[in-house]
Structures are given as C-alpha cells and as structure tokens.
Amino acid sequence: MYLKVINGILILCLSAPVFADDREERYRQAGHPATPSAIFNELSFDQDPAIRERVASNRRTPVAVLLRLANDPNTSVKISLATNLSAPDGIYPILARDAALAVRSVVARFEYVPVTALAILAKDKDVDIRLEVARNLNTTRSILSQLMADDNDRVKAVATLALQRLSEEEAEGN
C-alpha cells in the first residue's frame, strides 16, 4: 500500500513540469492570459529578460507588476510595457523619464500615450524626442504651443504644422 502511494507521488512529481527550470514553460505562462497573478509576479523577477518582456506585454498582468517593470533594468522590457494597451496611465510618466533614449522614443510615438507623458517628453533634452511629441496626434494645443518656441527649427516647424492641422480639424468639425 505504502509503495503504491510513494510510486504515485513519484510519478506525479516526474510528470509535472519543473516550472523554475523550464524556460519554455515560463515563457508560455508569461504570455498566457489565464496565468494567475502570483505567477505573473514571480515571472516579473525572472533572470531571462525575454520572460519579463512577455510579462510586460501581457494585457492580463496585474498593475502592481507592471508598475515594478517600469523600472526594469532591461530596455526591451520597458519598451514592451510602453506598448501594452492595458498599462495604466501612471506608467507613462515613469517611462517618459527613462534614461534610455529608445524607451522615451517609443513612449513619444505611442498612439495611446497620456498627455502627462507628452508634456514631460516635450521638455526632453533630445531633439528627436521633441520632434516625435510634435508629430504625436495626441499632443495638445498647449504642448504644441510650447514646442513652437523650441530652440530647434525642425521642432518649431513640425509643431506649427501640427497646430495648423488641429485648427483645420476643429474648423471642419464646426
């Protein structure tokens, strides 16, 4: 009897995937919408950045996990997070201040970026980031007006055109 129980436990243990050592299974779990919150949390600390990227891009990842990933040391993880349509607005100001130019660039170009992040990026030291803000269709009149006073002539020109576009759209709407 005891031997059957021990055999059953041994078979169960050997047939169950070893989650901690099985990269393929961790990757699958990181991308699966039905993954439990506790597993998302565990995977957000994974040593493999590809796993953390997948957690960051998953629309079902809990907000607390996404907020932590906004400070991940890996640029690709933060870029995945920036394009996650389920990321809360509070993540974008964090990413807009990121040291990595690539992260700030993705945020500046993202179609659904909140205005608060665009306002931060409009003051970015990098000209290309300010250009992307001027090109972003979510950029407000106020931010475009600020960019029209930019030191860079290209930023001024793009902001001027964007403001004209906004005026034309408003005139067509009336």
C-alpha atoms as a PDB file:
ATOM      1  CA  MET A   1       0.000   0.000   0.000  1.00  0.00           C
ATOM      2  CA  TYR A   2       2.694   2.482   1.010  1.00  0.00           C
ATOM      3  CA  LEU A   3       4.705   1.504  -2.026  1.00  0.00           C
ATOM      4  CA  LYS A   4       1.745   2.343  -4.302  1.00  0.00           C
ATOM      5  CA  VAL A   5       1.362   5.778  -2.647  1.00  0.00           C
ATOM      6  CA  ILE A   6       5.085   6.522  -2.962  1.00  0.00           C
ATOM      7  CA  ASN A   7       5.038   5.309  -6.577  1.00  0.00           C
ATOM      8  CA  GLY A   8       2.045   7.554  -7.286  1.00  0.00           C
ATOM      9  CA  ILE A   9       3.763  10.581  -5.758  1.00  0.00           C
ATOM     10  CA  LEU A  10       6.961   9.830  -7.659  1.00  0.00           C
ATOM     11  CA  ILE A  11       5.090   9.537 -10.965  1.00  0.00           C
ATOM     12  CA  LEU A  12       3.208  12.764 -10.230  1.00  0.00           C
ATOM     13  CA  CYS A  13       6.435  14.622  -9.442  1.00  0.00           C
ATOM     14  CA  LEU A  14       8.212  13.325 -12.520  1.00  0.00           C
ATOM     15  CA  SER A  15       5.334  14.124 -14.867  1.00  0.00           C
ATOM     16  CA  ALA A  16       4.762  17.684 -13.565  1.00  0.00           C
ATOM     17  CA  PRO A  17       6.747  20.390 -15.374  1.00  0.00           C
ATOM     18  CA  VAL A  18       9.594  21.855 -13.368  1.00  0.00           C
ATOM     19  CA  PHE A  19       8.450  25.469 -13.530  1.00  0.00           C
ATOM     20  CA  ALA A  20      11.570  27.119 -12.161  1.00  0.00           C
ATOM     21  CA  ASP A  21      13.949  25.378 -14.590  1.00  0.00           C
ATOM     22  CA  ASP A  22      11.768  25.129 -17.676  1.00  0.00           C
ATOM     23  CA  ARG A  23      12.257  28.266 -19.790  1.00  0.00           C
ATOM     24  CA  GLU A  24       9.708  27.220 -22.387  1.00  0.00           C
ATOM     25  CA  GLU A  25       7.024  26.756 -19.746  1.00  0.00           C
ATOM     26  CA  ARG A  26       7.875  30.094 -18.066  1.00  0.00           C
ATOM     27  CA  TYR A  27       7.705  31.824 -21.455  1.00  0.00           C
ATOM     28  CA  ARG A  28       4.325  30.224 -22.158  1.00  0.00           C
ATOM     29  CA  GLN A  29       2.986  31.211 -18.751  1.00  0.00           C
ATOM     30  CA  ALA A  30       4.259  34.791 -19.156  1.00  0.00           C
ATOM     31  CA  GLY A  31       2.191  35.203 -22.320  1.00  0.00           C
ATOM     32  CA  HIS A  32      -0.920  33.294 -21.324  1.00  0.00           C
ATOM     33  CA  PRO A  33      -3.976  35.395 -20.390  1.00  0.00           C
ATOM     34  CA  ALA A  34      -5.146  32.916 -17.734  1.00  0.00           C
ATOM     35  CA  THR A  35      -1.894  32.920 -15.772  1.00  0.00           C
ATOM     36  CA  PRO A  36      -2.559  33.586 -12.073  1.00  0.00           C
ATOM     37  CA  SER A  37      -1.391  36.910 -10.581  1.00  0.00           C
ATOM     38  CA  ALA A  38       1.099  35.195  -8.293  1.00  0.00           C
ATOM     39  CA  ILE A  39       2.803  33.577 -11.292  1.00  0.00           C
ATOM     40  CA  PHE A  40       2.975  36.921 -13.153  1.00  0.00           C
ATOM     41  CA  ASN A  41       4.580  38.364 -10.040  1.00  0.00           C
ATOM     42  CA  GLU A  42       7.134  35.535  -9.868  1.00  0.00           C
ATOM     43  CA  LEU A  43       7.901  35.742 -13.599  1.00  0.00           C
ATOM     44  CA  SER A  44       8.459  39.502 -13.395  1.00  0.00           C
ATOM     45  CA  PHE A  45      11.643  38.698 -11.438  1.00  0.00           C
ATOM     46  CA  ASP A  46      12.858  36.080 -13.937  1.00  0.00           C
ATOM     47  CA  GLN A  47      16.529  36.325 -14.903  1.00  0.00           C
ATOM     48  CA  ASP A  48      15.639  35.939 -18.580  1.00  0.00           C
ATOM     49  CA  PRO A  49      14.668  39.356 -19.993  1.00  0.00           C
ATOM     50  CA  ALA A  50      12.562  37.688 -22.706  1.00  0.00           C
ATOM     51  CA  ILE A  51      10.308  36.276 -19.984  1.00  0.00           C
ATOM     52  CA  ARG A  52       9.994  39.695 -18.299  1.00  0.00           C
ATOM     53  CA  GLU A  53       9.261  41.262 -21.721  1.00  0.00           C
ATOM     54  CA  ARG A  54       6.436  38.810 -22.211  1.00  0.00           C
ATOM     55  CA  VAL A  55       5.036  39.595 -18.753  1.00  0.00           C
ATOM     56  CA  ALA A  56       5.293  43.336 -19.531  1.00  0.00           C
ATOM     57  CA  SER A  57       3.365  42.939 -22.787  1.00  0.00           C
ATOM     58  CA  ASN A  58       0.638  40.683 -21.393  1.00  0.00           C
ATOM     59  CA  ARG A  59      -2.639  42.580 -21.140  1.00  0.00           C
ATOM     60  CA  ARG A  60      -3.649  40.498 -18.087  1.00  0.00           C
ATOM     61  CA  THR A  61      -0.570  41.276 -15.985  1.00  0.00           C
ATOM     62  CA  PRO A  62      -1.594  42.932 -12.700  1.00  0.00           C
ATOM     63  CA  VAL A  63      -0.996  46.684 -12.409  1.00  0.00           C
ATOM     64  CA  ALA A  64       1.384  46.308  -9.441  1.00  0.00           C
ATOM     65  CA  VAL A  65       3.611  44.026 -11.533  1.00  0.00           C
ATOM     66  CA  LEU A  66       3.514  46.432 -14.492  1.00  0.00           C
ATOM     67  CA  LEU A  67       4.488  49.333 -12.231  1.00  0.00           C
ATOM     68  CA  ARG A  68       7.502  47.396 -10.978  1.00  0.00           C
ATOM     69  CA  LEU A  69       8.527  46.512 -14.539  1.00  0.00           C
ATOM     70  CA  ALA A  70       8.574  50.234 -15.417  1.00  0.00           C
ATOM     71  CA  ASN A  71      11.880  50.297 -13.528  1.00  0.00           C
ATOM     72  CA  ASP A  72      13.287  47.096 -15.032  1.00  0.00           C
ATOM     73  CA  PRO A  73      16.985  47.366 -15.975  1.00  0.00           C
ATOM     74  CA  ASN A  74      16.294  45.959 -19.466  1.00  0.00           C
ATOM     75  CA  THR A  75      15.271  48.418 -22.198  1.00  0.00           C
ATOM     76  CA  SER A  76      13.283  45.812 -24.150  1.00  0.00           C
ATOM     77  CA  VAL A  77      11.144  45.051 -21.108  1.00  0.00           C
ATOM     78  CA  LYS A  78      10.243  48.735 -20.747  1.00  0.00           C
ATOM     79  CA  ILE A  79       9.505  49.049 -24.471  1.00  0.00           C
ATOM     80  CA  SER A  80       7.147  46.057 -24.241  1.00  0.00           C
ATOM     81  CA  LEU A  81       5.477  47.710 -21.280  1.00  0.00           C
ATOM     82  CA  ALA A  82       5.127  51.034 -23.125  1.00  0.00           C
ATOM     83  CA  THR A  83       3.088  49.374 -25.880  1.00  0.00           C
ATOM     84  CA  ASN A  84       0.879  47.293 -23.577  1.00  0.00           C
ATOM     85  CA  LEU A  85      -2.646  48.622 -24.130  1.00  0.00           C
ATOM     86  CA  SER A  86      -3.568  47.618 -20.583  1.00  0.00           C
ATOM     87  CA  ALA A  87      -0.778  49.596 -18.949  1.00  0.00           C
ATOM     88  CA  PRO A  88      -2.188  52.223 -16.601  1.00  0.00           C
ATOM     89  CA  ASP A  89      -1.571  55.891 -17.397  1.00  0.00           C
ATOM     90  CA  GLY A  90       0.689  56.197 -14.340  1.00  0.00           C
ATOM     91  CA  ILE A  91       3.350  54.097 -16.043  1.00  0.00           C
ATOM     92  CA  TYR A  92       3.960  56.528 -18.884  1.00  0.00           C
ATOM     93  CA  PRO A  93       5.397  59.425 -16.838  1.00  0.00           C
ATOM     94  CA  ILE A  94       7.896  56.930 -15.374  1.00  0.00           C
ATOM     95  CA  LEU A  95       8.864  55.711 -18.848  1.00  0.00           C
ATOM     96  CA  ALA A  96       8.965  59.283 -20.189  1.00  0.00           C
ATOM     97  CA  ARG A  97      11.784  59.998 -17.720  1.00  0.00           C
ATOM     98  CA  ASP A  98      13.701  56.793 -18.504  1.00  0.00           C
ATOM     99  CA  ALA A  99      17.436  57.105 -19.120  1.00  0.00           C
ATOM    100  CA  ALA A 100      17.186  55.004 -22.300  1.00  0.00           C
ATOM    101  CA  LEU A 101      16.507  57.063 -25.403  1.00  0.00           C
ATOM    102  CA  ALA A 102      14.805  54.074 -27.067  1.00  0.00           C
ATOM    103  CA  VAL A 103      12.229  53.850 -24.265  1.00  0.00           C
ATOM    104  CA  ARG A 104      11.433  57.574 -24.376  1.00  0.00           C
ATOM    105  CA  SER A 105      11.194  57.404 -28.173  1.00  0.00           C
ATOM    106  CA  VAL A 106       8.619  54.590 -28.086  1.00  0.00           C
ATOM    107  CA  VAL A 107       6.586  56.473 -25.481  1.00  0.00           C
ATOM    108  CA  ALA A 108       6.697  59.676 -27.555  1.00  0.00           C
ATOM    109  CA  ARG A 109       5.421  57.801 -30.629  1.00  0.00           C
ATOM    110  CA  PHE A 110       2.851  55.611 -28.886  1.00  0.00           C
ATOM    111  CA  GLU A 111      -0.652  56.298 -30.141  1.00  0.00           C
ATOM    112  CA  TYR A 112      -2.304  55.970 -26.730  1.00  0.00           C
ATOM    113  CA  VAL A 113       0.236  57.810 -24.568  1.00  0.00           C
ATOM    114  CA  PRO A 114      -1.390  60.102 -21.999  1.00  0.00           C
ATOM    115  CA  VAL A 115      -0.870  63.848 -22.274  1.00  0.00           C
ATOM    116  CA  THR A 116       1.021  63.911 -18.958  1.00  0.00           C
ATOM    117  CA  ALA A 117       3.823  61.870 -20.528  1.00  0.00           C
ATOM    118  CA  LEU A 118       3.825  64.011 -23.678  1.00  0.00           C
ATOM    119  CA  ALA A 119       4.232  67.125 -21.514  1.00  0.00           C
ATOM    120  CA  ILE A 120       7.312  65.571 -19.903  1.00  0.00           C
ATOM    121  CA  LEU A 121       8.742  64.486 -23.254  1.00  0.00           C
ATOM    122  CA  ALA A 122       8.147  67.935 -24.791  1.00  0.00           C
ATOM    123  CA  LYS A 123      10.952  69.139 -22.497  1.00  0.00           C
ATOM    124  CA  ASP A 124      13.293  66.233 -23.332  1.00  0.00           C
ATOM    125  CA  LYS A 125      16.922  67.124 -23.995  1.00  0.00           C
ATOM    126  CA  ASP A 126      16.898  65.048 -27.197  1.00  0.00           C
ATOM    127  CA  VAL A 127      15.643  66.862 -30.307  1.00  0.00           C
ATOM    128  CA  ASP A 128      14.284  63.680 -31.896  1.00  0.00           C
ATOM    129  CA  ILE A 129      12.094  63.006 -28.855  1.00  0.00           C
ATOM    130  CA  ARG A 130      10.629  66.527 -29.037  1.00  0.00           C
ATOM    131  CA  LEU A 131      10.029  66.001 -32.762  1.00  0.00           C
ATOM    132  CA  GLU A 132       8.112  62.795 -32.028  1.00  0.00           C
ATOM    133  CA  VAL A 133       5.990  64.655 -29.475  1.00  0.00           C
ATOM    134  CA  ALA A 134       5.188  67.324 -32.074  1.00  0.00           C
ATOM    135  CA  ARG A 135       4.161  64.554 -34.510  1.00  0.00           C
ATOM    136  CA  ASN A 136       2.050  62.631 -31.992  1.00  0.00           C
ATOM    137  CA  LEU A 137      -1.669  63.069 -32.746  1.00  0.00           C
ATOM    138  CA  ASN A 138      -2.468  63.198 -29.011  1.00  0.00           C
ATOM    139  CA  THR A 139      -0.297  66.247 -28.401  1.00  0.00           C
ATOM    140  CA  THR A 140      -2.430  69.120 -27.161  1.00  0.00           C
ATOM    141  CA  ARG A 141      -2.513  72.724 -28.346  1.00  0.00           C
ATOM    142  CA  SER A 142      -0.767  73.777 -25.172  1.00  0.00           C
ATOM    143  CA  ILE A 143       2.153  71.410 -25.699  1.00  0.00           C
ATOM    144  CA  LEU A 144       2.377  72.289 -29.399  1.00  0.00           C
ATOM    145  CA  SER A 145       2.482  75.984 -28.495  1.00  0.00           C
ATOM    146  CA  GLN A 146       5.348  75.244 -26.127  1.00  0.00           C
ATOM    147  CA  LEU A 147       7.162  73.340 -28.892  1.00  0.00           C
ATOM    148  CA  MET A 148       6.694  76.266 -31.287  1.00  0.00           C
ATOM    149  CA  ALA A 149       9.109  78.151 -29.022  1.00  0.00           C
ATOM    150  CA  ASP A 150      11.689  75.321 -29.142  1.00  0.00           C
ATOM    151  CA  ASP A 151      15.356  76.111 -29.834  1.00  0.00           C
ATOM    152  CA  ASN A 152      15.363  73.685 -32.770  1.00  0.00           C
ATOM    153  CA  ASP A 153      13.890  74.940 -36.065  1.00  0.00           C
ATOM    154  CA  ARG A 154      12.661  71.469 -37.115  1.00  0.00           C
ATOM    155  CA  VAL A 155      10.746  71.055 -33.862  1.00  0.00           C
ATOM    156  CA  LYS A 156       9.216  74.524 -34.339  1.00  0.00           C
ATOM    157  CA  ALA A 157       8.195  73.725 -37.929  1.00  0.00           C
ATOM    158  CA  VAL A 158       6.598  70.365 -37.083  1.00  0.00           C
ATOM    159  CA  ALA A 159       4.775  71.877 -34.091  1.00  0.00           C
ATOM    160  CA  THR A 160       3.479  74.718 -36.278  1.00  0.00           C
ATOM    161  CA  LEU A 161       2.164  72.258 -38.881  1.00  0.00           C
ATOM    162  CA  ALA A 162       0.560  70.111 -36.175  1.00  0.00           C
ATOM    163  CA  LEU A 163      -1.156  73.150 -34.686  1.00  0.00           C
ATOM    164  CA  GLN A 164      -2.449  74.113 -38.151  1.00  0.00           C
ATOM    165  CA  ARG A 165      -3.773  70.572 -38.589  1.00  0.00           C
ATOM    166  CA  LEU A 166      -5.593  70.811 -35.255  1.00  0.00           C
ATOM    167  CA  SER A 167      -7.130  74.148 -36.264  1.00  0.00           C
ATOM    168  CA  GLU A 168      -8.284  72.710 -39.602  1.00  0.00           C
ATOM    169  CA  GLU A 169      -9.809  69.667 -37.902  1.00  0.00           C
ATOM    170  CA  GLU A 170     -11.661  71.900 -35.459  1.00  0.00           C
ATOM    171  CA  ALA A 171     -12.924  74.113 -38.321  1.00  0.00           C
ATOM    172  CA  GLU A 172     -14.180  71.035 -40.205  1.00  0.00           C
ATOM    173  CA  GLY A 173     -15.923  69.801 -37.085  1.00  0.00           C
ATOM    174  CA  ASN A 174     -17.889  73.033 -36.655  1.00  0.00           C
END
